[in-house]
Amino acid sequence: MITEAIDTNAADVPRLRLLHGHSIPRLGLGTWPMLEDECEAAVRFAVQSGYRLVDTAFQYRNEEAVGRGIRTAGIPRSELFISSKFNKEAHSIDGVQRAYDESLRKLGLDYLDMFMCHWPVPALGKYVDAWKGLVKLLEEGRVKAIGVSNFKHSHLKEIIGATGVAPDVNQIQLSPDLARTGPRAVHGLLGTVTEAWSPIGRSSGLRSDPTIIEIARRLNKSPAQILLRWHVQQKIVPIPQASDPLWIKQNLSVFDFSLSADAMAKIRQLDKGEGAARDSDMPENGH
């Protein structure tokens, strides 16, 4: 069961309790594909505007910029939830330790709130060892939460079977037109929080959908706010990417209204099914 946790330092962004005791803000800032000054400025503005979750990865090539934005935002580190992800080259127990140290160095931080395996890359056959490396980091107290990204049920079953430890989070491609009901059901049984990348869609098509526009007009909200509210209302953690200050602020303003059962039912009809999502078993999908 995923439950809310109260964070008195950032009361406007409620949190969800994670399996291993930490808690994650219910909405965060995604940073791909932002780089250098744009990324630094966006992170700094987001944190100063109330964001407490910032997501990055080795593959994004922006950990240094994310770190600068965090350090210059003027918000205590203890109030923030910072996560990063490692690539397939680090898929070994020792490789994960080295990747963690490298991410800390680039970010200029003493610890991460969550470290994640970016893709399972099953053709490599080493994601179980990668997970064992993350479990070791957790057991040593070096990181507060551990997660995976783009893992299917079969991948989750294997890593849990090998270690007895389930992920705090699985970050997957998810939006109203890719509702991922099957994976979300699996996560719910495990107690794993579902985090959504590309939560407002991979293009502007979802934001211009007549259903979304009609609901947005009725509630006097932006289409993106409707899409993000759909996530948080179902205890999914979206991490929308934005660099425009207006969008950054709008994306966070989704906790002061609710979608009706009728609106949720209409949005449910947009789902294209599991086959429309990127397949993490395919060799071309994985870092």
Protein backbone atom coordinates (compact mmCIF):
# COMPACT_ATOMS: atom_id res chain seq x y z
CA MET A 1 0.00 0.00 0.00
CA ILE A 2 1.34 3.42 -1.00
CA THR A 3 0.57 6.04 1.63
CA GLU A 4 1.06 9.77 1.94
CA ALA A 5 3.67 11.26 4.26
CA ILE A 6 3.50 14.83 5.51
CA ASP A 7 6.55 17.01 4.84
CA THR A 8 6.26 20.18 6.90
CA ASN A 9 9.12 21.85 5.04
CA ALA A 10 7.40 21.54 1.65
CA ALA A 11 3.74 21.24 2.58
CA ASP A 12 2.55 22.23 -0.89
CA VAL A 13 4.08 19.05 -2.37
CA PRO A 14 2.80 16.01 -0.46
CA ARG A 15 4.89 12.86 -0.39
CA LEU A 16 4.44 9.13 -0.72
CA ARG A 17 6.06 6.73 1.72
CA LEU A 18 8.54 4.34 0.11
CA LEU A 19 9.19 0.69 0.93
CA HIS A 20 12.49 1.28 2.68
CA GLY A 21 11.36 4.17 4.86
CA HIS A 22 12.12 7.28 2.80
CA SER A 23 9.40 9.40 1.17
CA ILE A 24 9.19 10.85 -2.34
CA PRO A 25 7.48 14.08 -3.43
CA ARG A 26 4.39 13.38 -5.52
CA LEU A 27 5.63 15.46 -8.47
CA GLY A 28 9.12 16.38 -9.62
CA LEU A 29 11.22 17.96 -12.34
CA GLY A 30 12.53 15.82 -15.18
CA THR A 31 15.74 17.20 -16.68
CA TRP A 32 16.20 15.37 -20.00
CA PRO A 33 17.18 16.70 -22.54
CA MET A 34 18.24 19.97 -20.88
CA LEU A 35 21.96 20.76 -20.77
CA GLU A 36 24.39 23.28 -19.24
CA ASP A 37 23.03 26.77 -18.46
CA GLU A 38 19.45 25.96 -19.47
CA CYS A 39 19.41 22.96 -17.17
CA GLU A 40 21.06 24.78 -14.26
CA ALA A 41 18.63 27.69 -14.50
CA ALA A 42 15.58 25.43 -14.76
CA VAL A 43 16.60 23.36 -11.74
CA ARG A 44 17.37 26.44 -9.65
CA PHE A 45 14.05 28.10 -10.55
CA ALA A 46 12.09 24.89 -9.97
CA VAL A 47 13.57 24.31 -6.52
CA GLN A 48 13.00 27.95 -5.57
CA SER A 49 9.40 27.60 -6.82
CA GLY A 50 8.65 24.66 -4.54
CA TYR A 51 9.85 21.54 -6.36
CA ARG A 52 11.54 19.10 -4.03
CA LEU A 53 12.13 16.17 -6.43
CA VAL A 54 14.71 16.49 -9.22
CA ASP A 55 15.51 13.58 -11.55
CA THR A 56 18.66 13.16 -13.63
CA ALA A 57 20.82 10.36 -15.07
CA PHE A 58 24.31 9.61 -16.32
CA GLN A 59 22.84 9.27 -19.81
CA TYR A 60 21.41 12.81 -19.72
CA ARG A 61 24.91 14.33 -19.51
CA ASN A 62 23.63 17.04 -17.19
CA GLU A 63 24.45 15.91 -13.65
CA GLU A 64 26.95 18.75 -13.22
CA ALA A 65 24.37 21.34 -14.32
CA VAL A 66 21.70 19.80 -12.10
CA GLY A 67 24.11 19.95 -9.18
CA ARG A 68 24.87 23.61 -9.77
CA GLY A 69 21.17 24.41 -9.90
CA ILE A 70 20.56 22.59 -6.64
CA ARG A 71 23.47 24.17 -4.81
CA THR A 72 22.61 27.72 -5.90
CA ALA A 73 18.86 27.46 -5.17
CA GLY A 74 19.25 28.28 -1.49
CA ILE A 75 17.11 25.41 -0.20
CA PRO A 76 18.51 23.04 2.46
CA ARG A 77 19.67 19.72 1.01
CA SER A 78 17.61 17.84 3.61
CA GLU A 79 14.38 19.16 2.04
CA LEU A 80 15.22 17.82 -1.43
CA PHE A 81 14.85 14.43 -3.07
CA ILE A 82 17.53 13.97 -5.74
CA SER A 83 17.67 10.87 -7.93
CA SER A 84 19.99 9.71 -10.68
CA LYS A 85 20.39 6.60 -12.83
CA PHE A 86 23.34 4.57 -14.11
CA ASN A 87 23.99 3.01 -17.52
CA LYS A 88 24.50 -0.60 -18.59
CA GLU A 89 28.29 -0.22 -18.33
CA ALA A 90 27.84 -0.21 -14.54
CA HIS A 91 25.82 -3.46 -14.41
CA SER A 92 27.85 -5.21 -11.75
CA ILE A 93 28.01 -5.00 -7.98
CA ASP A 94 31.25 -3.02 -7.98
CA GLY A 95 30.21 -1.10 -11.09
CA VAL A 96 27.21 0.33 -9.29
CA GLN A 97 29.43 1.51 -6.41
CA ARG A 98 31.72 3.30 -8.87
CA ALA A 99 28.77 4.79 -10.77
CA TYR A 100 27.30 6.09 -7.51
CA ASP A 101 30.54 7.76 -6.52
CA GLU A 102 30.82 9.32 -9.98
CA SER A 103 27.27 10.69 -9.86
CA LEU A 104 27.96 12.20 -6.43
CA ARG A 105 31.12 13.80 -7.76
CA LYS A 106 29.36 15.30 -10.77
CA LEU A 107 26.41 16.53 -8.74
CA GLY A 108 28.60 17.86 -5.95
CA LEU A 109 26.48 16.09 -3.32
CA ASP A 110 27.25 13.87 -0.35
CA TYR A 111 24.42 11.44 -1.03
CA LEU A 112 21.51 10.72 -3.35
CA ASP A 113 18.01 10.12 -2.11
CA MET A 114 17.57 7.46 -4.79
CA PHE A 115 19.86 5.69 -7.24
CA MET A 116 18.35 3.71 -10.11
CA CYS A 117 19.18 1.20 -12.85
CA HIS A 118 18.21 3.10 -16.01
CA TRP A 119 17.31 0.13 -18.27
CA PRO A 120 17.44 -3.63 -17.68
CA VAL A 121 19.22 -4.35 -21.02
CA PRO A 122 18.35 -8.08 -20.81
CA ALA A 123 20.60 -8.92 -23.78
CA LEU A 124 23.54 -8.04 -21.53
CA GLY A 125 22.23 -10.37 -18.83
CA LYS A 126 23.63 -8.39 -15.88
CA TYR A 127 20.73 -6.43 -14.45
CA VAL A 128 20.44 -8.80 -11.47
CA ASP A 129 24.04 -7.96 -10.53
CA ALA A 130 23.21 -4.29 -10.99
CA TRP A 131 20.32 -4.69 -8.58
CA LYS A 132 22.56 -6.48 -6.08
CA GLY A 133 24.87 -3.46 -6.25
CA LEU A 134 21.97 -1.15 -5.43
CA VAL A 135 20.89 -3.37 -2.53
CA LYS A 136 24.44 -3.16 -1.18
CA LEU A 137 24.34 0.65 -1.34
CA LEU A 138 21.05 0.62 0.56
CA GLU A 139 22.28 -1.83 3.20
CA GLU A 140 25.41 0.26 3.73
CA GLY A 141 23.27 3.34 4.32
CA ARG A 142 24.85 5.25 1.45
CA VAL A 143 21.53 5.90 -0.32
CA LYS A 144 18.02 6.27 1.09
CA ALA A 145 16.05 4.53 -1.67
CA ILE A 146 16.81 2.32 -4.66
CA GLY A 147 14.87 1.96 -7.85
CA VAL A 148 14.74 0.76 -11.42
CA SER A 149 13.55 2.28 -14.65
CA ASN A 150 11.80 0.59 -17.58
CA PHE A 151 11.68 -2.80 -15.83
CA LYS A 152 8.94 -5.24 -16.82
CA HIS A 153 7.21 -7.72 -14.52
CA SER A 154 9.64 -10.45 -15.61
CA HIS A 155 12.64 -8.28 -14.75
CA LEU A 156 11.18 -7.33 -11.38
CA LYS A 157 10.42 -10.96 -10.58
CA GLU A 158 14.02 -11.94 -11.28
CA ILE A 159 15.71 -9.23 -9.20
CA ILE A 160 13.35 -9.77 -6.26
CA GLY A 161 13.83 -13.52 -6.48
CA ALA A 162 17.59 -13.09 -6.36
CA THR A 163 17.70 -10.64 -3.45
CA GLY A 164 14.38 -10.64 -1.62
CA VAL A 165 14.34 -6.87 -2.07
CA ALA A 166 11.74 -4.99 -4.14
CA PRO A 167 12.44 -1.56 -5.66
CA ASP A 168 11.17 1.56 -3.97
CA VAL A 169 10.31 2.97 -7.40
CA ASN A 170 9.97 1.81 -11.01
CA GLN A 171 10.19 4.75 -13.42
CA ILE A 172 8.40 3.92 -16.67
CA GLN A 173 7.03 5.62 -19.75
CA LEU A 174 3.52 6.57 -18.69
CA SER A 175 0.88 9.11 -19.66
CA PRO A 176 -2.90 9.00 -20.10
CA ASP A 177 -2.49 7.61 -23.61
CA LEU A 178 -0.03 5.02 -22.25
CA ALA A 179 -1.77 4.26 -18.99
CA ARG A 180 0.29 1.11 -18.23
CA THR A 181 -2.44 -0.45 -16.11
CA GLY A 182 -0.72 -3.86 -16.04
CA PRO A 183 2.66 -2.64 -14.74
CA ARG A 184 0.93 -0.35 -12.24
CA ALA A 185 -1.04 -3.28 -10.85
CA VAL A 186 2.20 -5.24 -10.37
CA HIS A 187 3.82 -2.29 -8.65
CA GLY A 188 0.85 -1.96 -6.33
CA LEU A 189 1.18 -5.58 -5.22
CA LEU A 190 4.90 -5.07 -4.54
CA GLY A 191 4.49 -1.75 -2.74
CA THR A 192 6.64 -0.11 -5.42
CA VAL A 193 5.79 3.47 -6.38
CA THR A 194 5.20 4.08 -10.09
CA GLU A 195 7.08 7.10 -11.45
CA ALA A 196 6.17 8.43 -14.90
CA TRP A 197 8.59 9.73 -17.50
CA SER A 198 7.07 11.76 -20.36
CA PRO A 199 3.87 12.14 -18.28
CA ILE A 200 2.34 14.72 -20.63
CA GLY A 201 3.23 12.73 -23.74
CA ARG A 202 6.19 12.59 -26.09
CA SER A 203 4.77 15.37 -28.28
CA SER A 204 2.14 18.10 -28.07
CA GLY A 205 -0.54 15.74 -29.37
CA LEU A 206 -1.86 14.71 -25.98
CA ARG A 207 -2.06 18.32 -24.76
CA SER A 208 -4.13 19.23 -27.84
CA ASP A 209 -6.51 16.28 -27.52
CA PRO A 210 -10.13 17.53 -27.55
CA THR A 211 -10.97 15.57 -24.38
CA ILE A 212 -8.11 17.11 -22.44
CA ILE A 213 -8.82 20.61 -23.79
CA GLU A 214 -12.50 20.37 -22.84
CA ILE A 215 -11.70 19.29 -19.27
CA ALA A 216 -9.03 22.00 -18.96
CA ARG A 217 -11.44 24.72 -20.09
CA ARG A 218 -14.11 23.55 -17.68
CA LEU A 219 -11.69 23.66 -14.74
CA ASN A 220 -9.80 26.77 -15.90
CA LYS A 221 -6.53 24.83 -15.95
CA SER A 222 -3.90 24.16 -18.61
CA PRO A 223 -3.97 20.85 -20.53
CA ALA A 224 -0.65 19.91 -18.89
CA GLN A 225 -2.15 20.47 -15.44
CA ILE A 226 -5.03 18.12 -16.29
CA LEU A 227 -2.59 15.45 -17.48
CA LEU A 228 -0.43 15.77 -14.38
CA ARG A 229 -3.42 15.79 -12.05
CA TRP A 230 -4.48 12.48 -13.65
CA HIS A 231 -1.17 11.04 -12.42
CA VAL A 232 -1.09 12.36 -8.87
CA GLN A 233 -4.74 11.48 -8.33
CA GLN A 234 -3.75 7.85 -8.86
CA LYS A 235 -0.60 7.99 -6.70
CA ILE A 236 1.67 7.99 -9.75
CA VAL A 237 4.66 10.34 -9.45
CA PRO A 238 5.10 12.35 -12.68
CA ILE A 239 8.39 14.06 -13.52
CA PRO A 240 7.56 16.48 -16.35
CA GLN A 241 10.45 18.25 -18.05
CA ALA A 242 10.16 22.02 -18.40
CA SER A 243 12.55 24.94 -18.74
CA ASP A 244 10.04 27.76 -19.26
CA PRO A 245 9.35 29.42 -15.85
CA LEU A 246 5.61 29.61 -16.55
CA TRP A 247 5.39 25.92 -17.35
CA ILE A 248 7.56 25.01 -14.36
CA LYS A 249 5.14 26.81 -12.05
CA GLN A 250 2.01 25.57 -13.79
CA ASN A 251 3.16 21.96 -13.69
CA LEU A 252 3.51 22.08 -9.91
CA SER A 253 0.08 23.64 -9.38
CA VAL A 254 -1.96 20.44 -9.46
CA PHE A 255 -2.73 19.90 -5.78
CA ASP A 256 -5.56 22.43 -5.42
CA PHE A 257 -8.17 20.69 -7.58
CA SER A 258 -9.46 17.22 -8.44
CA LEU A 259 -10.72 15.47 -11.55
CA SER A 260 -14.23 14.10 -11.31
CA ALA A 261 -15.02 10.44 -11.85
CA ASP A 262 -16.56 11.44 -15.18
CA ALA A 263 -13.39 13.27 -16.26
CA MET A 264 -11.22 10.33 -15.22
CA ALA A 265 -13.45 7.96 -17.21
CA LYS A 266 -13.16 10.14 -20.31
CA ILE A 267 -9.38 10.31 -20.00
CA ARG A 268 -9.23 6.54 -19.56
CA GLN A 269 -10.51 6.18 -23.14
CA LEU A 270 -7.28 7.73 -24.47
CA ASP A 271 -5.19 4.70 -23.53
CA LYS A 272 -3.56 3.07 -26.58
CA GLY A 273 -2.57 -0.06 -24.69
CA GLU A 274 0.71 -1.59 -23.55
CA GLY A 275 1.94 -2.19 -27.09
CA ALA A 276 2.39 1.54 -27.67
CA ALA A 277 5.10 1.88 -25.02
CA ARG A 278 8.83 1.44 -25.67
CA ASP A 279 9.76 -2.22 -25.21
CA SER A 280 12.66 -2.55 -22.78
CA ASP A 281 13.40 -6.07 -24.06
CA MET A 282 14.42 -4.70 -27.44
CA PRO A 283 18.19 -4.21 -27.85
CA GLU A 284 17.82 -0.67 -29.20
CA ASN A 285 15.96 0.39 -26.04
CA GLY A 286 18.50 0.58 -23.29
CA HIS A 287 21.41 2.54 -21.92
